[in-house]
Amino acid sequence: MSERSEFWLSHLSAIEAEGITTKAYAEREGLSAQALYQWRKRRVAEARPRRTPLGGFAAIQIEPSIAARAGCTVVIDSGLRLECAALPSVDWLAALSAALRERGR
């Protein structure tokens, strides 16, 4: 972590520890309240889970012997559920995801 990041993140930690408003802390310490808000926003954004590739599908690995005898259920929402006799291909799932995004589902 850079010195700059450490500087701003230490101030954000102090704000939380003291239970003081960001504006009051900034005024007391001679800092820009706007900069503190921006660093807080950055920290929150970095803490969010990253989106998975393929439109939200995560890569999984299934043993071939299990895949041969297992069906699959794809639940889109409470009103749409697809029952498959076998696991669909990744390409098919990606195409389904793209089509649903286009339709706004």
PDB file of N, CA and C in Angstrom:
ATOM      1  N   MET A   1       0.847  -1.169   0.000  1.00  0.00           N
ATOM      2  CA  MET A   1       0.000   0.000   0.000  1.00  0.00           C
ATOM      3  C   MET A   1       0.896   1.237   0.000  1.00  0.00           C
ATOM      4  N   SER A   2       0.521   2.238  -0.760  1.00  0.00           N
ATOM      5  CA  SER A   2       1.340   3.442  -0.861  1.00  0.00           C
ATOM      6  C   SER A   2       1.203   4.297   0.404  1.00  0.00           C
ATOM      7  N   GLU A   3       2.161   5.187   0.591  1.00  0.00           N
ATOM      8  CA  GLU A   3       2.114   6.093   1.746  1.00  0.00           C
ATOM      9  C   GLU A   3       0.862   6.961   1.698  1.00  0.00           C
ATOM     10  N   ARG A   4       0.500   7.367   0.503  1.00  0.00           N
ATOM     11  CA  ARG A   4      -0.689   8.204   0.332  1.00  0.00           C
ATOM     12  C   ARG A   4      -1.937   7.453   0.788  1.00  0.00           C
ATOM     13  N   SER A   5      -2.068   6.203   0.345  1.00  0.00           N
ATOM     14  CA  SER A   5      -3.215   5.388   0.754  1.00  0.00           C
ATOM     15  C   SER A   5      -3.236   5.193   2.257  1.00  0.00           C
ATOM     16  N   GLU A   6      -2.080   4.870   2.824  1.00  0.00           N
ATOM     17  CA  GLU A   6      -1.990   4.670   4.274  1.00  0.00           C
ATOM     18  C   GLU A   6      -2.399   5.929   5.029  1.00  0.00           C
ATOM     19  N   PHE A   7      -1.985   7.096   4.521  1.00  0.00           N
ATOM     20  CA  PHE A   7      -2.316   8.374   5.152  1.00  0.00           C
ATOM     21  C   PHE A   7      -3.833   8.546   5.250  1.00  0.00           C
ATOM     22  N   TRP A   8      -4.533   8.408   4.101  1.00  0.00           N
ATOM     23  CA  TRP A   8      -5.968   8.642   4.085  1.00  0.00           C
ATOM     24  C   TRP A   8      -6.727   7.544   4.821  1.00  0.00           C
ATOM     25  N   LEU A   9      -6.300   6.304   4.676  1.00  0.00           N
ATOM     26  CA  LEU A   9      -6.992   5.209   5.354  1.00  0.00           C
ATOM     27  C   LEU A   9      -6.819   5.277   6.867  1.00  0.00           C
ATOM     28  N   SER A  10      -5.679   5.783   7.329  1.00  0.00           N
ATOM     29  CA  SER A  10      -5.498   5.949   8.773  1.00  0.00           C
ATOM     30  C   SER A  10      -6.448   7.012   9.311  1.00  0.00           C
ATOM     31  N   HIS A  11      -6.677   8.067   8.522  1.00  0.00           N
ATOM     32  CA  HIS A  11      -7.635   9.090   8.945  1.00  0.00           C
ATOM     33  C   HIS A  11      -9.059   8.535   8.952  1.00  0.00           C
ATOM     34  N   LEU A  12      -9.409   7.721   7.968  1.00  0.00           N
ATOM     35  CA  LEU A  12     -10.740   7.109   7.960  1.00  0.00           C
ATOM     36  C   LEU A  12     -10.934   6.194   9.158  1.00  0.00           C
ATOM     37  N   SER A  13      -9.887   5.473   9.526  1.00  0.00           N
ATOM     38  CA  SER A  13      -9.959   4.605  10.711  1.00  0.00           C
ATOM     39  C   SER A  13     -10.146   5.433  11.972  1.00  0.00           C
ATOM     40  N   ALA A  14      -9.462   6.568  12.042  1.00  0.00           N
ATOM     41  CA  ALA A  14      -9.588   7.455  13.210  1.00  0.00           C
ATOM     42  C   ALA A  14     -11.010   8.005  13.310  1.00  0.00           C
ATOM     43  N   ILE A  15     -11.595   8.361  12.188  1.00  0.00           N
ATOM     44  CA  ILE A  15     -12.973   8.870  12.187  1.00  0.00           C
ATOM     45  C   ILE A  15     -13.914   7.814  12.750  1.00  0.00           C
ATOM     46  N   GLU A  16     -13.757   6.589  12.288  1.00  0.00           N
ATOM     47  CA  GLU A  16     -14.608   5.500  12.772  1.00  0.00           C
ATOM     48  C   GLU A  16     -14.384   5.237  14.256  1.00  0.00           C
ATOM     49  N   ALA A  17     -13.132   5.237  14.674  1.00  0.00           N
ATOM     50  CA  ALA A  17     -12.808   4.954  16.076  1.00  0.00           C
ATOM     51  C   ALA A  17     -13.348   6.036  17.011  1.00  0.00           C
ATOM     52  N   GLU A  18     -13.290   7.283  16.575  1.00  0.00           N
ATOM     53  CA  GLU A  18     -13.749   8.389  17.412  1.00  0.00           C
ATOM     54  C   GLU A  18     -15.252   8.579  17.367  1.00  0.00           C
ATOM     55  N   GLY A  19     -15.894   8.072  16.316  1.00  0.00           N
ATOM     56  CA  GLY A  19     -17.330   8.252  16.174  1.00  0.00           C
ATOM     57  C   GLY A  19     -17.710   9.692  15.878  1.00  0.00           C
ATOM     58  N   ILE A  20     -16.819  10.387  15.221  1.00  0.00           N
ATOM     59  CA  ILE A  20     -17.007  11.797  14.876  1.00  0.00           C
ATOM     60  C   ILE A  20     -17.446  11.894  13.418  1.00  0.00           C
ATOM     61  N   THR A  21     -18.099  12.988  13.061  1.00  0.00           N
ATOM     62  CA  THR A  21     -18.485  13.141  11.658  1.00  0.00           C
ATOM     63  C   THR A  21     -17.244  13.425  10.823  1.00  0.00           C
ATOM     64  N   THR A  22     -17.332  13.052   9.563  1.00  0.00           N
ATOM     65  CA  THR A  22     -16.209  13.275   8.647  1.00  0.00           C
ATOM     66  C   THR A  22     -15.915  14.766   8.520  1.00  0.00           C
ATOM     67  N   LYS A  23     -16.961  15.562   8.424  1.00  0.00           N
ATOM     68  CA  LYS A  23     -16.793  17.009   8.278  1.00  0.00           C
ATOM     69  C   LYS A  23     -16.096  17.611   9.496  1.00  0.00           C
ATOM     70  N   ALA A  24     -16.536  17.221  10.698  1.00  0.00           N
ATOM     71  CA  ALA A  24     -15.917  17.749  11.920  1.00  0.00           C
ATOM     72  C   ALA A  24     -14.459  17.315  12.025  1.00  0.00           C
ATOM     73  N   TYR A  25     -14.183  16.062  11.683  1.00  0.00           N
ATOM     74  CA  TYR A  25     -12.808  15.562  11.730  1.00  0.00           C
ATOM     75  C   TYR A  25     -11.932  16.320  10.740  1.00  0.00           C
ATOM     76  N   ALA A  26     -12.440  16.527   9.529  1.00  0.00           N
ATOM     77  CA  ALA A  26     -11.667  17.233   8.499  1.00  0.00           C
ATOM     78  C   ALA A  26     -11.343  18.650   8.943  1.00  0.00           C
ATOM     79  N   GLU A  27     -12.323  19.339   9.509  1.00  0.00           N
ATOM     80  CA  GLU A  27     -12.084  20.702   9.989  1.00  0.00           C
ATOM     81  C   GLU A  27     -11.041  20.722  11.108  1.00  0.00           C
ATOM     82  N   ARG A  28     -11.169  19.784  12.035  1.00  0.00           N
ATOM     83  CA  ARG A  28     -10.227  19.730  13.167  1.00  0.00           C
ATOM     84  C   ARG A  28      -8.807  19.438  12.710  1.00  0.00           C
ATOM     85  N   GLU A  29      -8.661  18.529  11.719  1.00  0.00           N
ATOM     86  CA  GLU A  29      -7.342  18.101  11.263  1.00  0.00           C
ATOM     87  C   GLU A  29      -6.808  18.921  10.092  1.00  0.00           C
ATOM     88  N   GLY A  30      -7.608  19.850   9.592  1.00  0.00           N
ATOM     89  CA  GLY A  30      -7.176  20.662   8.458  1.00  0.00           C
ATOM     90  C   GLY A  30      -7.100  19.879   7.154  1.00  0.00           C
ATOM     91  N   LEU A  31      -8.014  18.934   7.000  1.00  0.00           N
ATOM     92  CA  LEU A  31      -8.058  18.093   5.798  1.00  0.00           C
ATOM     93  C   LEU A  31      -9.287  18.424   4.962  1.00  0.00           C
ATOM     94  N   SER A  32      -9.261  18.012   3.740  1.00  0.00           N
ATOM     95  CA  SER A  32     -10.396  18.176   2.844  1.00  0.00           C
ATOM     96  C   SER A  32     -11.438  17.098   3.150  1.00  0.00           C
ATOM     97  N   ALA A  33     -12.633  17.535   3.513  1.00  0.00           N
ATOM     98  CA  ALA A  33     -13.720  16.576   3.762  1.00  0.00           C
ATOM     99  C   ALA A  33     -14.035  15.813   2.478  1.00  0.00           C
ATOM    100  N   GLN A  34     -13.977  16.499   1.347  1.00  0.00           N
ATOM    101  CA  GLN A  34     -14.261  15.862   0.056  1.00  0.00           C
ATOM    102  C   GLN A  34     -13.278  14.729  -0.223  1.00  0.00           C
ATOM    103  N   ALA A  35     -12.001  14.966   0.083  1.00  0.00           N
ATOM    104  CA  ALA A  35     -11.000  13.914  -0.128  1.00  0.00           C
ATOM    105  C   ALA A  35     -11.284  12.713   0.773  1.00  0.00           C
ATOM    106  N   LEU A  36     -11.694  12.970   2.009  1.00  0.00           N
ATOM    107  CA  LEU A  36     -12.020  11.864   2.913  1.00  0.00           C
ATOM    108  C   LEU A  36     -13.216  11.070   2.382  1.00  0.00           C
ATOM    109  N   TYR A  37     -14.224  11.768   1.880  1.00  0.00           N
ATOM    110  CA  TYR A  37     -15.382  11.076   1.309  1.00  0.00           C
ATOM    111  C   TYR A  37     -14.971  10.235   0.101  1.00  0.00           C
ATOM    112  N   GLN A  38     -14.093  10.777  -0.736  1.00  0.00           N
ATOM    113  CA  GLN A  38     -13.646  10.027  -1.918  1.00  0.00           C
ATOM    114  C   GLN A  38     -12.861   8.780  -1.523  1.00  0.00           C
ATOM    115  N   TRP A  39     -12.000   8.900  -0.521  1.00  0.00           N
ATOM    116  CA  TRP A  39     -11.234   7.732  -0.075  1.00  0.00           C
ATOM    117  C   TRP A  39     -12.142   6.693   0.566  1.00  0.00           C
ATOM    118  N   ARG A  40     -13.171   7.148   1.283  1.00  0.00           N
ATOM    119  CA  ARG A  40     -14.127   6.194   1.871  1.00  0.00           C
ATOM    120  C   ARG A  40     -14.868   5.456   0.755  1.00  0.00           C
ATOM    121  N   LYS A  41     -15.280   6.193  -0.266  1.00  0.00           N
ATOM    122  CA  LYS A  41     -15.973   5.578  -1.404  1.00  0.00           C
ATOM    123  C   LYS A  41     -15.075   4.549  -2.080  1.00  0.00           C
ATOM    124  N   ARG A  42     -13.798   4.879  -2.239  1.00  0.00           N
ATOM    125  CA  ARG A  42     -12.845   3.956  -2.857  1.00  0.00           C
ATOM    126  C   ARG A  42     -12.700   2.689  -2.016  1.00  0.00           C
ATOM    127  N   ARG A  43     -12.599   2.875  -0.702  1.00  0.00           N
ATOM    128  CA  ARG A  43     -12.440   1.722   0.195  1.00  0.00           C
ATOM    129  C   ARG A  43     -13.664   0.814   0.133  1.00  0.00           C
ATOM    130  N   VAL A  44     -14.857   1.378   0.091  1.00  0.00           N
ATOM    131  CA  VAL A  44     -16.088   0.589   0.004  1.00  0.00           C
ATOM    132  C   VAL A  44     -16.133  -0.165  -1.326  1.00  0.00           C
ATOM    133  N   ALA A  45     -15.763   0.522  -2.413  1.00  0.00           N
ATOM    134  CA  ALA A  45     -15.778  -0.110  -3.736  1.00  0.00           C
ATOM    135  C   ALA A  45     -14.799  -1.279  -3.796  1.00  0.00           C
ATOM    136  N   GLU A  46     -13.643  -1.135  -3.176  1.00  0.00           N
ATOM    137  CA  GLU A  46     -12.645  -2.210  -3.185  1.00  0.00           C
ATOM    138  C   GLU A  46     -13.083  -3.398  -2.349  1.00  0.00           C
ATOM    139  N   ALA A  47     -13.934  -3.160  -1.354  1.00  0.00           N
ATOM    140  CA  ALA A  47     -14.398  -4.236  -0.484  1.00  0.00           C
ATOM    141  C   ALA A  47     -15.529  -5.045  -1.117  1.00  0.00           C
ATOM    142  N   ARG A  48     -16.192  -4.487  -2.133  1.00  0.00           N
ATOM    143  CA  ARG A  48     -17.278  -5.213  -2.795  1.00  0.00           C
ATOM    144  C   ARG A  48     -16.732  -6.418  -3.538  1.00  0.00           C
ATOM    145  N   PRO A  49     -17.523  -7.506  -3.563  1.00  0.00           N
ATOM    146  CA  PRO A  49     -17.077  -8.665  -4.335  1.00  0.00           C
ATOM    147  C   PRO A  49     -17.010  -8.329  -5.815  1.00  0.00           C
ATOM    148  N   ARG A  50     -16.036  -8.870  -6.466  1.00  0.00           N
ATOM    149  CA  ARG A  50     -15.855  -8.654  -7.903  1.00  0.00           C
ATOM    150  C   ARG A  50     -16.871  -9.486  -8.666  1.00  0.00           C
ATOM    151  N   ARG A  51     -17.339  -8.968  -9.796  1.00  0.00           N
ATOM    152  CA  ARG A  51     -18.237  -9.728 -10.661  1.00  0.00           C
ATOM    153  C   ARG A  51     -17.454 -10.849 -11.319  1.00  0.00           C
ATOM    154  N   THR A  52     -18.112 -11.945 -11.486  1.00  0.00           N
ATOM    155  CA  THR A  52     -17.466 -13.075 -12.131  1.00  0.00           C
ATOM    156  C   THR A  52     -17.560 -12.930 -13.638  1.00  0.00           C
ATOM    157  N   PRO A  53     -16.676 -13.572 -14.382  1.00  0.00           N
ATOM    158  CA  PRO A  53     -16.756 -13.511 -15.838  1.00  0.00           C
ATOM    159  C   PRO A  53     -17.998 -14.241 -16.342  1.00  0.00           C
ATOM    160  N   LEU A  54     -18.267 -14.157 -17.598  1.00  0.00           N
ATOM    161  CA  LEU A  54     -19.388 -14.837 -18.248  1.00  0.00           C
ATOM    162  C   LEU A  54     -20.731 -14.366 -17.710  1.00  0.00           C
ATOM    163  N   GLY A  55     -20.855 -13.053 -17.485  1.00  0.00           N
ATOM    164  CA  GLY A  55     -22.145 -12.505 -17.102  1.00  0.00           C
ATOM    165  C   GLY A  55     -22.639 -12.963 -15.744  1.00  0.00           C
ATOM    166  N   GLY A  56     -21.760 -13.208 -14.818  1.00  0.00           N
ATOM    167  CA  GLY A  56     -22.166 -13.590 -13.483  1.00  0.00           C
ATOM    168  C   GLY A  56     -22.034 -15.066 -13.178  1.00  0.00           C
ATOM    169  N   PHE A  57     -21.695 -15.869 -14.159  1.00  0.00           N
ATOM    170  CA  PHE A  57     -21.493 -17.288 -13.897  1.00  0.00           C
ATOM    171  C   PHE A  57     -20.079 -17.506 -13.385  1.00  0.00           C
ATOM    172  N   ALA A  58     -19.939 -18.359 -12.423  1.00  0.00           N
ATOM    173  CA  ALA A  58     -18.627 -18.684 -11.881  1.00  0.00           C
ATOM    174  C   ALA A  58     -18.173 -20.023 -12.450  1.00  0.00           C
ATOM    175  N   ALA A  59     -16.891 -20.137 -12.703  1.00  0.00           N
ATOM    176  CA  ALA A  59     -16.342 -21.385 -13.225  1.00  0.00           C
ATOM    177  C   ALA A  59     -16.405 -22.453 -12.137  1.00  0.00           C
ATOM    178  N   ILE A  60     -16.860 -23.634 -12.504  1.00  0.00           N
ATOM    179  CA  ILE A  60     -16.876 -24.764 -11.575  1.00  0.00           C
ATOM    180  C   ILE A  60     -16.301 -25.976 -12.280  1.00  0.00           C
ATOM    181  N   GLN A  61     -15.868 -26.935 -11.499  1.00  0.00           N
ATOM    182  CA  GLN A  61     -15.356 -28.169 -12.073  1.00  0.00           C
ATOM    183  C   GLN A  61     -16.131 -29.319 -11.448  1.00  0.00           C
ATOM    184  N   ILE A  62     -16.675 -30.182 -12.293  1.00  0.00           N
ATOM    185  CA  ILE A  62     -17.472 -31.311 -11.826  1.00  0.00           C
ATOM    186  C   ILE A  62     -16.827 -32.591 -12.325  1.00  0.00           C
ATOM    187  N   GLU A  63     -16.760 -33.552 -11.453  1.00  0.00           N
ATOM    188  CA  GLU A  63     -16.203 -34.839 -11.833  1.00  0.00           C
ATOM    189  C   GLU A  63     -17.026 -35.435 -12.966  1.00  0.00           C
ATOM    190  N   PRO A  64     -16.392 -35.954 -14.020  1.00  0.00           N
ATOM    191  CA  PRO A  64     -17.124 -36.517 -15.166  1.00  0.00           C
ATOM    192  C   PRO A  64     -18.140 -37.586 -14.768  1.00  0.00           C
ATOM    193  N   SER A  65     -17.821 -38.410 -13.795  1.00  0.00           N
ATOM    194  CA  SER A  65     -18.756 -39.468 -13.407  1.00  0.00           C
ATOM    195  C   SER A  65     -20.023 -38.888 -12.786  1.00  0.00           C
ATOM    196  N   ILE A  66     -19.904 -37.787 -12.077  1.00  0.00           N
ATOM    197  CA  ILE A  66     -21.075 -37.136 -11.480  1.00  0.00           C
ATOM    198  C   ILE A  66     -21.891 -36.445 -12.562  1.00  0.00           C
ATOM    199  N   ALA A  67     -21.210 -35.753 -13.478  1.00  0.00           N
ATOM    200  CA  ALA A  67     -21.904 -35.025 -14.543  1.00  0.00           C
ATOM    201  C   ALA A  67     -22.705 -35.962 -15.427  1.00  0.00           C
ATOM    202  N   ALA A  68     -22.229 -37.181 -15.632  1.00  0.00           N
ATOM    203  CA  ALA A  68     -22.908 -38.132 -16.515  1.00  0.00           C
ATOM    204  C   ALA A  68     -24.258 -38.559 -15.954  1.00  0.00           C
ATOM    205  N   ARG A  69     -24.400 -38.596 -14.653  1.00  0.00           N
ATOM    206  CA  ARG A  69     -25.652 -39.076 -14.073  1.00  0.00           C
ATOM    207  C   ARG A  69     -26.475 -37.989 -13.396  1.00  0.00           C
ATOM    208  N   ALA A  70     -25.980 -36.758 -13.385  1.00  0.00           N
ATOM    209  CA  ALA A  70     -26.671 -35.679 -12.688  1.00  0.00           C
ATOM    210  C   ALA A  70     -27.398 -34.767 -13.655  1.00  0.00           C
ATOM    211  N   GLY A  71     -28.601 -34.378 -13.272  1.00  0.00           N
ATOM    212  CA  GLY A  71     -29.340 -33.371 -14.011  1.00  0.00           C
ATOM    213  C   GLY A  71     -28.909 -31.992 -13.522  1.00  0.00           C
ATOM    214  N   CYS A  72     -29.579 -30.993 -14.017  1.00  0.00           N
ATOM    215  CA  CYS A  72     -29.214 -29.628 -13.663  1.00  0.00           C
ATOM    216  C   CYS A  72     -30.466 -28.773 -13.651  1.00  0.00           C
ATOM    217  N   THR A  73     -30.569 -27.889 -12.694  1.00  0.00           N
ATOM    218  CA  THR A  73     -31.652 -26.914 -12.640  1.00  0.00           C
ATOM    219  C   THR A  73     -31.037 -25.530 -12.715  1.00  0.00           C
ATOM    220  N   VAL A  74     -31.504 -24.730 -13.665  1.00  0.00           N
ATOM    221  CA  VAL A  74     -31.054 -23.344 -13.794  1.00  0.00           C
ATOM    222  C   VAL A  74     -32.231 -22.482 -13.369  1.00  0.00           C
ATOM    223  N   VAL A  75     -32.059 -21.745 -12.265  1.00  0.00           N
ATOM    224  CA  VAL A  75     -33.116 -20.878 -11.755  1.00  0.00           C
ATOM    225  C   VAL A  75     -32.778 -19.451 -12.163  1.00  0.00           C
ATOM    226  N   ILE A  76     -33.636 -18.855 -12.988  1.00  0.00           N
ATOM    227  CA  ILE A  76     -33.419 -17.499 -13.465  1.00  0.00           C
ATOM    228  C   ILE A  76     -33.996 -16.509 -12.470  1.00  0.00           C
ATOM    229  N   ASP A  77     -35.215 -16.688 -12.091  1.00  0.00           N
ATOM    230  CA  ASP A  77     -35.868 -15.930 -11.033  1.00  0.00           C
ATOM    231  C   ASP A  77     -37.042 -16.774 -10.551  1.00  0.00           C
ATOM    232  N   SER A  78     -37.870 -16.202  -9.700  1.00  0.00           N
ATOM    233  CA  SER A  78     -38.953 -17.016  -9.137  1.00  0.00           C
ATOM    234  C   SER A  78     -39.941 -17.493 -10.193  1.00  0.00           C
ATOM    235  N   GLY A  79     -39.967 -16.846 -11.342  1.00  0.00           N
ATOM    236  CA  GLY A  79     -40.915 -17.233 -12.371  1.00  0.00           C
ATOM    237  C   GLY A  79     -40.337 -18.079 -13.485  1.00  0.00           C
ATOM    238  N   LEU A  80     -39.044 -18.343 -13.462  1.00  0.00           N
ATOM    239  CA  LEU A  80     -38.434 -19.101 -14.552  1.00  0.00           C
ATOM    240  C   LEU A  80     -37.398 -20.074 -14.008  1.00  0.00           C
ATOM    241  N   ARG A  81     -37.656 -21.349 -14.274  1.00  0.00           N
ATOM    242  CA  ARG A  81     -36.781 -22.426 -13.793  1.00  0.00           C
ATOM    243  C   ARG A  81     -36.618 -23.424 -14.919  1.00  0.00           C
ATOM    244  N   LEU A  82     -35.388 -23.719 -15.306  1.00  0.00           N
ATOM    245  CA  LEU A  82     -35.115 -24.660 -16.388  1.00  0.00           C
ATOM    246  C   LEU A  82     -34.566 -25.951 -15.811  1.00  0.00           C
ATOM    247  N   GLU A  83     -35.212 -27.052 -16.130  1.00  0.00           N
ATOM    248  CA  GLU A  83     -34.738 -28.371 -15.715  1.00  0.00           C
ATOM    249  C   GLU A  83     -34.016 -29.000 -16.896  1.00  0.00           C
ATOM    250  N   CYS A  84     -32.778 -29.390 -16.722  1.00  0.00           N
ATOM    251  CA  CYS A  84     -31.976 -29.982 -17.798  1.00  0.00           C
ATOM    252  C   CYS A  84     -31.606 -31.412 -17.403  1.00  0.00           C
ATOM    253  N   ALA A  85     -31.640 -32.305 -18.370  1.00  0.00           N
ATOM    254  CA  ALA A  85     -31.274 -33.696 -18.111  1.00  0.00           C
ATOM    255  C   ALA A  85     -29.777 -33.840 -17.866  1.00  0.00           C
ATOM    256  N   ALA A  86     -28.999 -32.929 -18.443  1.00  0.00           N
ATOM    257  CA  ALA A  86     -27.543 -32.952 -18.272  1.00  0.00           C
ATOM    258  C   ALA A  86     -27.061 -31.513 -18.107  1.00  0.00           C
ATOM    259  N   LEU A  87     -25.856 -31.390 -17.639  1.00  0.00           N
ATOM    260  CA  LEU A  87     -25.284 -30.052 -17.477  1.00  0.00           C
ATOM    261  C   LEU A  87     -25.103 -29.384 -18.834  1.00  0.00           C
ATOM    262  N   PRO A  88     -25.616 -28.144 -19.013  1.00  0.00           N
ATOM    263  CA  PRO A  88     -25.403 -27.448 -20.281  1.00  0.00           C
ATOM    264  C   PRO A  88     -23.952 -26.985 -20.399  1.00  0.00           C
ATOM    265  N   SER A  89     -23.549 -26.716 -21.625  1.00  0.00           N
ATOM    266  CA  SER A  89     -22.176 -26.254 -21.842  1.00  0.00           C
ATOM    267  C   SER A  89     -22.024 -24.815 -21.350  1.00  0.00           C
ATOM    268  N   VAL A  90     -20.796 -24.429 -21.111  1.00  0.00           N
ATOM    269  CA  VAL A  90     -20.493 -23.064 -20.685  1.00  0.00           C
ATOM    270  C   VAL A  90     -20.939 -22.076 -21.751  1.00  0.00           C
ATOM    271  N   ASP A  91     -20.738 -22.420 -23.025  1.00  0.00           N
ATOM    272  CA  ASP A  91     -21.155 -21.541 -24.118  1.00  0.00           C
ATOM    273  C   ASP A  91     -22.664 -21.318 -24.098  1.00  0.00           C
ATOM    274  N   TRP A  92     -23.425 -22.388 -23.845  1.00  0.00           N
ATOM    275  CA  TRP A  92     -24.867 -22.262 -23.792  1.00  0.00           C
ATOM    276  C   TRP A  92     -25.282 -21.367 -22.633  1.00  0.00           C
ATOM    277  N   LEU A  93     -24.675 -21.554 -21.462  1.00  0.00           N
ATOM    278  CA  LEU A  93     -24.996 -20.723 -20.302  1.00  0.00           C
ATOM    279  C   LEU A  93     -24.649 -19.258 -20.552  1.00  0.00           C
ATOM    280  N   ALA A  94     -23.515 -19.016 -21.211  1.00  0.00           N
ATOM    281  CA  ALA A  94     -23.120 -17.639 -21.531  1.00  0.00           C
ATOM    282  C   ALA A  94     -24.115 -17.004 -22.497  1.00  0.00           C
ATOM    283  N   ALA A  95     -24.570 -17.769 -23.497  1.00  0.00           N
ATOM    284  CA  ALA A  95     -25.559 -17.255 -24.450  1.00  0.00           C
ATOM    285  C   ALA A  95     -26.877 -16.972 -23.744  1.00  0.00           C
ATOM    286  N   LEU A  96     -27.279 -17.846 -22.841  1.00  0.00           N
ATOM    287  CA  LEU A  96     -28.500 -17.625 -22.065  1.00  0.00           C
ATOM    288  C   LEU A  96     -28.378 -16.353 -21.242  1.00  0.00           C
ATOM    289  N   SER A  97     -27.255 -16.182 -20.586  1.00  0.00           N
ATOM    290  CA  SER A  97     -27.026 -14.986 -19.784  1.00  0.00           C
ATOM    291  C   SER A  97     -27.113 -13.725 -20.625  1.00  0.00           C
ATOM    292  N   ALA A  98     -26.484 -13.744 -21.796  1.00  0.00           N
ATOM    293  CA  ALA A  98     -26.506 -12.572 -22.691  1.00  0.00           C
ATOM    294  C   ALA A  98     -27.933 -12.274 -23.148  1.00  0.00           C
ATOM    295  N   ALA A  99     -28.685 -13.309 -23.505  1.00  0.00           N
ATOM    296  CA  ALA A  99     -30.052 -13.112 -23.968  1.00  0.00           C
ATOM    297  C   ALA A  99     -30.936 -12.531 -22.853  1.00  0.00           C
ATOM    298  N   LEU A 100     -30.732 -12.998 -21.638  1.00  0.00           N
ATOM    299  CA  LEU A 100     -31.520 -12.485 -20.513  1.00  0.00           C
ATOM    300  C   LEU A 100     -31.167 -11.048 -20.202  1.00  0.00           C
ATOM    301  N   ARG A 101     -29.879 -10.705 -20.328  1.00  0.00           N
ATOM    302  CA  ARG A 101     -29.473  -9.307 -20.101  1.00  0.00           C
ATOM    303  C   ARG A 101     -30.132  -8.390 -21.122  1.00  0.00           C
ATOM    304  N   GLU A 102     -30.205  -8.848 -22.382  1.00  0.00           N
ATOM    305  CA  GLU A 102     -30.832  -8.044 -23.431  1.00  0.00           C
ATOM    306  C   GLU A 102     -32.311  -7.824 -23.154  1.00  0.00           C
ATOM    307  N   ARG A 103     -32.952  -8.814 -22.567  1.00  0.00           N
ATOM    308  CA  ARG A 103     -34.378  -8.708 -22.259  1.00  0.00           C
ATOM    309  C   ARG A 103     -34.634  -8.000 -20.934  1.00  0.00           C
ATOM    310  N   GLY A 104     -33.552  -7.677 -20.195  1.00  0.00           N
ATOM    311  CA  GLY A 104     -33.700  -6.968 -18.928  1.00  0.00           C
ATOM    312  C   GLY A 104     -34.094  -7.818 -17.758  1.00  0.00           C
ATOM    313  N   ARG A 105     -33.799  -9.098 -17.832  1.00  0.00           N
ATOM    314  CA  ARG A 105     -34.122 -10.001 -16.717  1.00  0.00           C
ATOM    315  C   ARG A 105     -32.992 -10.117 -15.770  1.00  0.00           C
TER     316      ARG A 105
END
